[in-house]
Amino acid sequence: MPIKFHPGVGQVLYCDFDAGGFQPPEMVKSRPVIVLSRSNKSDICTVVPLSGTVPNPVLPHHHKINPDSLPQRVADKGEWWVKGDMIATVGFFRLDRVKEGRNHHGKRQYSTKKVSKADLLAVKMCVIHALCMNDLTSGQQ
């Protein structure tokens, strides 16, 4: 079910890249993403997708996420790699929370977990490298 709120920076969600508009070699299936944009009044946000496939070769825009940073249901599916070169700004209709089962009343529970500060910083560095803006971090103008 699509979200109706702007998620927090670092929150892990699922994004349905299959909902039309994307074509190979772009992302084209549902996968976990990490939110990068801050709250605003629009129904869009910027995300970076995760992949369960180890990149070959591993480049500066890739980062292996610490499983402790991920909701348990995502972490249980194996290791996840940031695809910093595949950032996307997507509508809320593509985004869904990570389901965590049901409580004792039968109501569905969702994860609100955010990645660690260390992983979030690494994700941002991946995006900077993917956009060829790494000179911004070295003090060179």
N, C-alpha and C. Protein backbone atom coordinates (compact mmCIF):
# COMPACT_ATOMS: atom_id res chain seq x y z
N MET A 1 0.85 -1.18 0.00
CA MET A 1 0.00 0.00 0.00
C MET A 1 0.89 1.24 0.00
N PRO A 2 0.66 2.18 -0.90
CA PRO A 2 1.51 3.37 -0.98
C PRO A 2 1.49 4.18 0.32
N ILE A 3 2.61 4.83 0.59
CA ILE A 3 2.69 5.67 1.78
C ILE A 3 1.94 6.97 1.55
N LYS A 4 1.56 7.62 2.64
CA LYS A 4 0.85 8.90 2.58
C LYS A 4 1.57 9.96 3.41
N PHE A 5 2.85 9.74 3.66
CA PHE A 5 3.65 10.64 4.48
C PHE A 5 5.04 10.72 3.89
N HIS A 6 5.75 11.80 4.19
CA HIS A 6 7.13 11.87 3.73
C HIS A 6 8.01 11.13 4.73
N PRO A 7 8.68 10.06 4.28
CA PRO A 7 9.52 9.30 5.20
C PRO A 7 10.76 10.08 5.62
N GLY A 8 11.37 9.65 6.70
CA GLY A 8 12.57 10.32 7.19
C GLY A 8 13.81 9.94 6.41
N VAL A 9 14.79 10.83 6.43
CA VAL A 9 16.08 10.54 5.78
C VAL A 9 16.68 9.30 6.45
N GLY A 10 17.10 8.35 5.63
CA GLY A 10 17.70 7.13 6.14
C GLY A 10 16.72 5.99 6.35
N GLN A 11 15.41 6.27 6.21
CA GLN A 11 14.42 5.22 6.40
C GLN A 11 14.49 4.22 5.26
N VAL A 12 14.28 2.95 5.60
CA VAL A 12 14.29 1.88 4.61
C VAL A 12 12.85 1.56 4.23
N LEU A 13 12.57 1.62 2.93
CA LEU A 13 11.25 1.32 2.38
C LEU A 13 11.42 0.36 1.21
N TYR A 14 10.30 -0.08 0.65
CA TYR A 14 10.33 -0.78 -0.63
C TYR A 14 9.83 0.17 -1.70
N CYS A 15 10.46 0.11 -2.87
CA CYS A 15 10.04 0.92 -4.00
C CYS A 15 9.68 0.00 -5.15
N ASP A 16 8.51 0.23 -5.74
CA ASP A 16 8.04 -0.55 -6.88
C ASP A 16 8.45 0.16 -8.17
N PHE A 17 9.63 -0.17 -8.65
CA PHE A 17 10.10 0.42 -9.90
C PHE A 17 9.36 -0.18 -11.09
N ASP A 18 8.56 -1.23 -10.87
CA ASP A 18 7.77 -1.88 -11.92
C ASP A 18 6.48 -1.12 -12.23
N ALA A 19 6.16 -0.09 -11.46
CA ALA A 19 4.87 0.60 -11.60
C ALA A 19 4.79 1.48 -12.85
N GLY A 20 5.63 1.25 -13.82
CA GLY A 20 5.60 1.99 -15.08
C GLY A 20 6.59 3.12 -15.12
N GLY A 21 7.07 3.41 -16.30
CA GLY A 21 7.98 4.54 -16.49
C GLY A 21 9.45 4.16 -16.53
N PHE A 22 9.84 3.11 -15.83
CA PHE A 22 11.24 2.67 -15.83
C PHE A 22 11.40 1.50 -16.80
N GLN A 23 12.54 1.46 -17.50
CA GLN A 23 12.83 0.38 -18.44
C GLN A 23 14.28 -0.03 -18.28
N PRO A 24 14.60 -1.32 -18.53
CA PRO A 24 16.00 -1.73 -18.45
C PRO A 24 16.87 -0.84 -19.35
N PRO A 25 18.06 -0.48 -18.93
CA PRO A 25 18.82 -0.97 -17.78
C PRO A 25 18.52 -0.23 -16.47
N GLU A 26 17.43 0.56 -16.42
CA GLU A 26 17.04 1.21 -15.16
C GLU A 26 16.50 0.14 -14.21
N MET A 27 16.27 0.54 -12.97
CA MET A 27 15.66 -0.36 -12.01
C MET A 27 14.24 -0.67 -12.48
N VAL A 28 13.88 -1.95 -12.46
CA VAL A 28 12.56 -2.32 -12.98
C VAL A 28 11.81 -3.32 -12.11
N LYS A 29 12.19 -3.49 -10.87
CA LYS A 29 11.43 -4.38 -10.00
C LYS A 29 11.36 -3.78 -8.61
N SER A 30 10.56 -4.38 -7.76
CA SER A 30 10.42 -3.90 -6.40
C SER A 30 11.68 -4.27 -5.62
N ARG A 31 12.20 -3.30 -4.86
CA ARG A 31 13.41 -3.54 -4.08
C ARG A 31 13.49 -2.57 -2.92
N PRO A 32 14.31 -2.90 -1.92
CA PRO A 32 14.48 -1.95 -0.81
C PRO A 32 15.24 -0.72 -1.27
N VAL A 33 14.90 0.40 -0.66
CA VAL A 33 15.56 1.68 -0.94
C VAL A 33 15.81 2.40 0.38
N ILE A 34 16.74 3.34 0.34
CA ILE A 34 17.02 4.21 1.48
C ILE A 34 16.64 5.62 1.08
N VAL A 35 15.86 6.29 1.90
CA VAL A 35 15.39 7.65 1.62
C VAL A 35 16.54 8.64 1.84
N LEU A 36 16.72 9.56 0.88
CA LEU A 36 17.77 10.57 0.97
C LEU A 36 17.24 11.98 1.15
N SER A 37 16.01 12.24 0.74
CA SER A 37 15.51 13.62 0.76
C SER A 37 14.75 13.92 2.05
N ARG A 38 14.82 15.18 2.43
CA ARG A 38 14.09 15.66 3.61
C ARG A 38 12.63 15.91 3.24
N SER A 39 11.82 16.02 4.26
CA SER A 39 10.40 16.26 4.07
C SER A 39 10.15 17.57 3.33
N ASN A 40 9.19 17.51 2.42
CA ASN A 40 8.72 18.71 1.73
C ASN A 40 7.23 18.55 1.47
N LYS A 41 6.64 19.49 0.81
CA LYS A 41 5.18 19.46 0.63
C LYS A 41 4.72 18.63 -0.56
N SER A 42 5.65 18.10 -1.33
CA SER A 42 5.24 17.31 -2.50
C SER A 42 5.18 15.82 -2.14
N ASP A 43 4.56 15.06 -3.01
CA ASP A 43 4.41 13.62 -2.80
C ASP A 43 5.50 12.84 -3.52
N ILE A 44 6.72 13.35 -3.48
CA ILE A 44 7.87 12.67 -4.06
C ILE A 44 9.02 12.69 -3.06
N CYS A 45 9.93 11.75 -3.22
CA CYS A 45 11.17 11.79 -2.44
C CYS A 45 12.27 11.09 -3.22
N THR A 46 13.50 11.41 -2.84
CA THR A 46 14.66 10.86 -3.51
C THR A 46 15.15 9.66 -2.71
N VAL A 47 15.41 8.57 -3.43
CA VAL A 47 15.84 7.32 -2.81
C VAL A 47 17.05 6.76 -3.53
N VAL A 48 17.78 5.91 -2.84
CA VAL A 48 18.86 5.15 -3.46
C VAL A 48 18.51 3.67 -3.29
N PRO A 49 18.52 2.91 -4.39
CA PRO A 49 18.12 1.50 -4.31
C PRO A 49 19.23 0.61 -3.75
N LEU A 50 18.79 -0.52 -3.21
CA LEU A 50 19.70 -1.56 -2.75
C LEU A 50 19.57 -2.76 -3.66
N SER A 51 20.66 -3.49 -3.80
CA SER A 51 20.67 -4.70 -4.63
C SER A 51 21.25 -5.85 -3.82
N GLY A 52 20.70 -7.02 -4.02
CA GLY A 52 21.21 -8.21 -3.38
C GLY A 52 22.34 -8.86 -4.15
N THR A 53 22.69 -8.29 -5.30
CA THR A 53 23.78 -8.81 -6.12
C THR A 53 25.06 -8.04 -5.83
N VAL A 54 26.12 -8.76 -5.56
CA VAL A 54 27.41 -8.12 -5.31
C VAL A 54 27.89 -7.48 -6.61
N PRO A 55 28.22 -6.17 -6.58
CA PRO A 55 28.70 -5.52 -7.80
C PRO A 55 30.04 -6.10 -8.24
N ASN A 56 30.24 -6.18 -9.54
CA ASN A 56 31.50 -6.67 -10.09
C ASN A 56 31.92 -5.78 -11.24
N PRO A 57 32.89 -4.91 -11.01
CA PRO A 57 33.68 -4.73 -9.79
C PRO A 57 32.95 -3.82 -8.79
N VAL A 58 33.40 -3.87 -7.53
CA VAL A 58 32.91 -2.94 -6.52
C VAL A 58 33.59 -1.60 -6.78
N LEU A 59 32.76 -0.55 -6.95
CA LEU A 59 33.26 0.79 -7.27
C LEU A 59 32.94 1.75 -6.14
N PRO A 60 33.47 2.98 -6.18
CA PRO A 60 33.22 3.94 -5.10
C PRO A 60 31.75 4.28 -4.87
N HIS A 61 30.88 4.03 -5.87
CA HIS A 61 29.46 4.32 -5.67
C HIS A 61 28.69 3.10 -5.15
N HIS A 62 29.41 2.08 -4.69
CA HIS A 62 28.81 0.91 -4.06
C HIS A 62 29.21 0.87 -2.59
N HIS A 63 28.32 0.34 -1.77
CA HIS A 63 28.60 0.18 -0.34
C HIS A 63 27.76 -0.98 0.18
N LYS A 64 28.41 -1.88 0.90
CA LYS A 64 27.69 -2.99 1.53
C LYS A 64 27.09 -2.48 2.84
N ILE A 65 25.77 -2.57 2.95
CA ILE A 65 25.05 -2.07 4.13
C ILE A 65 25.21 -3.07 5.28
N ASN A 66 25.49 -2.55 6.45
CA ASN A 66 25.55 -3.37 7.65
C ASN A 66 24.16 -3.95 7.90
N PRO A 67 24.03 -5.26 8.05
CA PRO A 67 22.69 -5.85 8.25
C PRO A 67 21.97 -5.29 9.48
N ASP A 68 22.72 -4.83 10.48
CA ASP A 68 22.08 -4.25 11.66
C ASP A 68 21.37 -2.93 11.35
N SER A 69 21.69 -2.32 10.20
CA SER A 69 21.04 -1.07 9.78
C SER A 69 19.68 -1.31 9.13
N LEU A 70 19.40 -2.55 8.79
CA LEU A 70 18.20 -2.86 8.00
C LEU A 70 17.11 -3.48 8.86
N PRO A 71 15.84 -3.29 8.46
CA PRO A 71 14.76 -4.03 9.11
C PRO A 71 15.04 -5.53 9.00
N GLN A 72 14.66 -6.28 10.00
CA GLN A 72 14.98 -7.71 10.04
C GLN A 72 14.53 -8.46 8.80
N ARG A 73 13.33 -8.15 8.31
CA ARG A 73 12.80 -8.87 7.14
C ARG A 73 13.62 -8.61 5.88
N VAL A 74 14.28 -7.46 5.81
CA VAL A 74 15.16 -7.16 4.68
C VAL A 74 16.51 -7.83 4.91
N ALA A 75 17.07 -7.66 6.09
CA ALA A 75 18.38 -8.23 6.41
C ALA A 75 18.38 -9.75 6.25
N ASP A 76 17.27 -10.40 6.57
CA ASP A 76 17.18 -11.85 6.48
C ASP A 76 17.31 -12.37 5.05
N LYS A 77 17.14 -11.51 4.06
CA LYS A 77 17.20 -11.93 2.66
C LYS A 77 18.62 -11.96 2.12
N GLY A 78 19.61 -11.65 2.94
CA GLY A 78 21.00 -11.70 2.49
C GLY A 78 21.66 -10.34 2.55
N GLU A 79 22.83 -10.24 1.92
CA GLU A 79 23.54 -8.96 1.96
C GLU A 79 22.97 -8.00 0.93
N TRP A 80 23.09 -6.70 1.24
CA TRP A 80 22.54 -5.66 0.39
C TRP A 80 23.60 -4.62 0.08
N TRP A 81 23.62 -4.19 -1.16
CA TRP A 81 24.60 -3.22 -1.65
C TRP A 81 23.89 -1.96 -2.14
N VAL A 82 24.42 -0.83 -1.76
CA VAL A 82 23.92 0.46 -2.25
C VAL A 82 24.30 0.59 -3.72
N LYS A 83 23.36 1.04 -4.53
CA LYS A 83 23.59 1.33 -5.95
C LYS A 83 23.55 2.85 -6.10
N GLY A 84 24.61 3.52 -5.66
CA GLY A 84 24.66 4.98 -5.63
C GLY A 84 24.52 5.64 -6.98
N ASP A 85 24.75 4.88 -8.05
CA ASP A 85 24.61 5.42 -9.40
C ASP A 85 23.18 5.30 -9.92
N MET A 86 22.26 4.80 -9.10
CA MET A 86 20.88 4.59 -9.54
C MET A 86 19.88 5.40 -8.72
N ILE A 87 20.30 6.53 -8.15
CA ILE A 87 19.37 7.34 -7.36
C ILE A 87 18.16 7.72 -8.21
N ALA A 88 17.04 7.87 -7.55
CA ALA A 88 15.80 8.20 -8.26
C ALA A 88 14.91 9.05 -7.37
N THR A 89 14.19 9.97 -7.98
CA THR A 89 13.15 10.71 -7.29
C THR A 89 11.83 10.10 -7.73
N VAL A 90 11.09 9.56 -6.78
CA VAL A 90 9.90 8.77 -7.09
C VAL A 90 8.69 9.28 -6.33
N GLY A 91 7.52 9.00 -6.87
CA GLY A 91 6.26 9.35 -6.21
C GLY A 91 5.96 8.40 -5.07
N PHE A 92 5.21 8.90 -4.10
CA PHE A 92 4.83 8.08 -2.95
C PHE A 92 4.06 6.83 -3.39
N PHE A 93 3.38 6.88 -4.54
CA PHE A 93 2.61 5.72 -4.99
C PHE A 93 3.51 4.52 -5.24
N ARG A 94 4.81 4.73 -5.43
CA ARG A 94 5.76 3.64 -5.64
C ARG A 94 6.30 3.06 -4.32
N LEU A 95 6.13 3.78 -3.22
CA LEU A 95 6.79 3.43 -1.96
C LEU A 95 5.86 2.74 -0.98
N ASP A 96 6.41 1.78 -0.27
CA ASP A 96 5.66 1.07 0.76
C ASP A 96 6.60 0.79 1.93
N ARG A 97 6.02 0.73 3.12
CA ARG A 97 6.81 0.42 4.31
C ARG A 97 7.16 -1.07 4.34
N VAL A 98 8.21 -1.40 5.06
CA VAL A 98 8.60 -2.80 5.23
C VAL A 98 7.67 -3.42 6.26
N LYS A 99 6.98 -4.47 5.85
CA LYS A 99 6.02 -5.14 6.74
C LYS A 99 6.78 -6.01 7.75
N GLU A 100 6.30 -6.01 8.99
CA GLU A 100 6.94 -6.80 10.05
C GLU A 100 6.01 -7.82 10.66
N GLY A 101 4.94 -8.15 10.00
CA GLY A 101 4.00 -9.11 10.56
C GLY A 101 2.82 -8.41 11.21
N ARG A 102 2.18 -9.10 12.16
CA ARG A 102 0.98 -8.56 12.82
C ARG A 102 1.16 -8.59 14.34
N ASN A 103 0.49 -7.65 15.00
CA ASN A 103 0.53 -7.64 16.47
C ASN A 103 -0.49 -8.64 17.01
N HIS A 104 -0.64 -8.70 18.33
CA HIS A 104 -1.54 -9.69 18.94
C HIS A 104 -3.02 -9.42 18.66
N HIS A 105 -3.34 -8.24 18.12
CA HIS A 105 -4.72 -7.92 17.72
C HIS A 105 -4.95 -8.17 16.23
N GLY A 106 -3.91 -8.62 15.53
CA GLY A 106 -4.03 -8.89 14.11
C GLY A 106 -3.74 -7.70 13.22
N LYS A 107 -3.37 -6.57 13.82
CA LYS A 107 -3.08 -5.37 13.04
C LYS A 107 -1.67 -5.46 12.46
N ARG A 108 -1.55 -5.12 11.17
CA ARG A 108 -0.25 -5.18 10.51
C ARG A 108 0.72 -4.19 11.14
N GLN A 109 1.98 -4.63 11.30
CA GLN A 109 3.05 -3.81 11.86
C GLN A 109 4.06 -3.49 10.77
N TYR A 110 4.61 -2.28 10.82
CA TYR A 110 5.57 -1.83 9.81
C TYR A 110 6.84 -1.34 10.49
N SER A 111 7.95 -1.51 9.79
CA SER A 111 9.23 -1.02 10.29
C SER A 111 9.34 0.48 10.09
N THR A 112 9.94 1.15 11.05
CA THR A 112 10.27 2.58 10.91
C THR A 112 11.79 2.75 11.00
N LYS A 113 12.50 1.65 10.84
CA LYS A 113 13.95 1.64 11.03
C LYS A 113 14.66 2.53 10.01
N LYS A 114 15.68 3.22 10.51
CA LYS A 114 16.57 4.01 9.66
C LYS A 114 17.95 3.39 9.74
N VAL A 115 18.71 3.52 8.66
CA VAL A 115 20.08 3.00 8.66
C VAL A 115 20.92 3.78 9.66
N SER A 116 22.02 3.20 10.08
CA SER A 116 22.91 3.86 11.04
C SER A 116 23.51 5.13 10.44
N LYS A 117 24.00 6.00 11.30
CA LYS A 117 24.65 7.23 10.82
C LYS A 117 25.84 6.90 9.93
N ALA A 118 26.60 5.86 10.29
CA ALA A 118 27.76 5.47 9.48
C ALA A 118 27.33 4.99 8.10
N ASP A 119 26.28 4.17 8.04
CA ASP A 119 25.79 3.71 6.74
C ASP A 119 25.19 4.86 5.93
N LEU A 120 24.47 5.76 6.58
CA LEU A 120 23.88 6.89 5.86
C LEU A 120 24.97 7.78 5.26
N LEU A 121 26.03 8.03 6.01
CA LEU A 121 27.15 8.81 5.48
C LEU A 121 27.78 8.09 4.29
N ALA A 122 27.95 6.77 4.39
CA ALA A 122 28.51 6.00 3.28
C ALA A 122 27.60 6.06 2.06
N VAL A 123 26.28 6.00 2.27
CA VAL A 123 25.32 6.10 1.16
C VAL A 123 25.47 7.45 0.46
N LYS A 124 25.55 8.51 1.24
CA LYS A 124 25.71 9.85 0.65
C LYS A 124 27.02 9.95 -0.13
N MET A 125 28.09 9.36 0.38
CA MET A 125 29.37 9.37 -0.34
C MET A 125 29.26 8.59 -1.65
N CYS A 126 28.51 7.49 -1.64
CA CYS A 126 28.29 6.72 -2.88
C CYS A 126 27.63 7.59 -3.94
N VAL A 127 26.63 8.35 -3.53
CA VAL A 127 25.92 9.23 -4.47
C VAL A 127 26.86 10.32 -4.98
N ILE A 128 27.64 10.90 -4.08
CA ILE A 128 28.60 11.94 -4.49
C ILE A 128 29.57 11.38 -5.53
N HIS A 129 30.07 10.16 -5.31
CA HIS A 129 30.99 9.54 -6.28
C HIS A 129 30.27 9.25 -7.59
N ALA A 130 29.03 8.76 -7.52
CA ALA A 130 28.28 8.44 -8.74
C ALA A 130 28.04 9.68 -9.59
N LEU A 131 27.88 10.83 -8.94
CA LEU A 131 27.63 12.08 -9.66
C LEU A 131 28.93 12.81 -10.01
N CYS A 132 30.07 12.15 -9.77
CA CYS A 132 31.39 12.72 -10.05
C CYS A 132 31.58 14.06 -9.33
N MET A 133 31.11 14.13 -8.09
CA MET A 133 31.23 15.35 -7.29
C MET A 133 32.10 15.14 -6.06
N ASN A 134 32.98 14.13 -6.11
CA ASN A 134 33.81 13.83 -4.95
C ASN A 134 34.78 14.95 -4.62
N ASP A 135 35.00 15.89 -5.55
CA ASP A 135 35.85 17.04 -5.23
C ASP A 135 35.20 17.92 -4.16
N LEU A 136 33.90 17.81 -3.98
CA LEU A 136 33.21 18.58 -2.95
C LEU A 136 33.63 18.15 -1.54
N THR A 137 34.11 16.93 -1.41
CA THR A 137 34.49 16.43 -0.09
C THR A 137 35.97 16.61 0.21
N SER A 138 36.74 17.06 -0.77
CA SER A 138 38.18 17.17 -0.56
C SER A 138 38.63 18.60 -0.28
N GLY A 139 37.70 19.53 -0.22
CA GLY A 139 38.05 20.93 0.06
C GLY A 139 38.48 21.70 -1.17
N GLN A 140 38.48 21.05 -2.34
CA GLN A 140 38.86 21.74 -3.58
C GLN A 140 37.64 22.44 -4.16
N GLN A 141 37.82 23.65 -4.61
CA GLN A 141 36.70 24.41 -5.18
C GLN A 141 36.88 24.58 -6.67
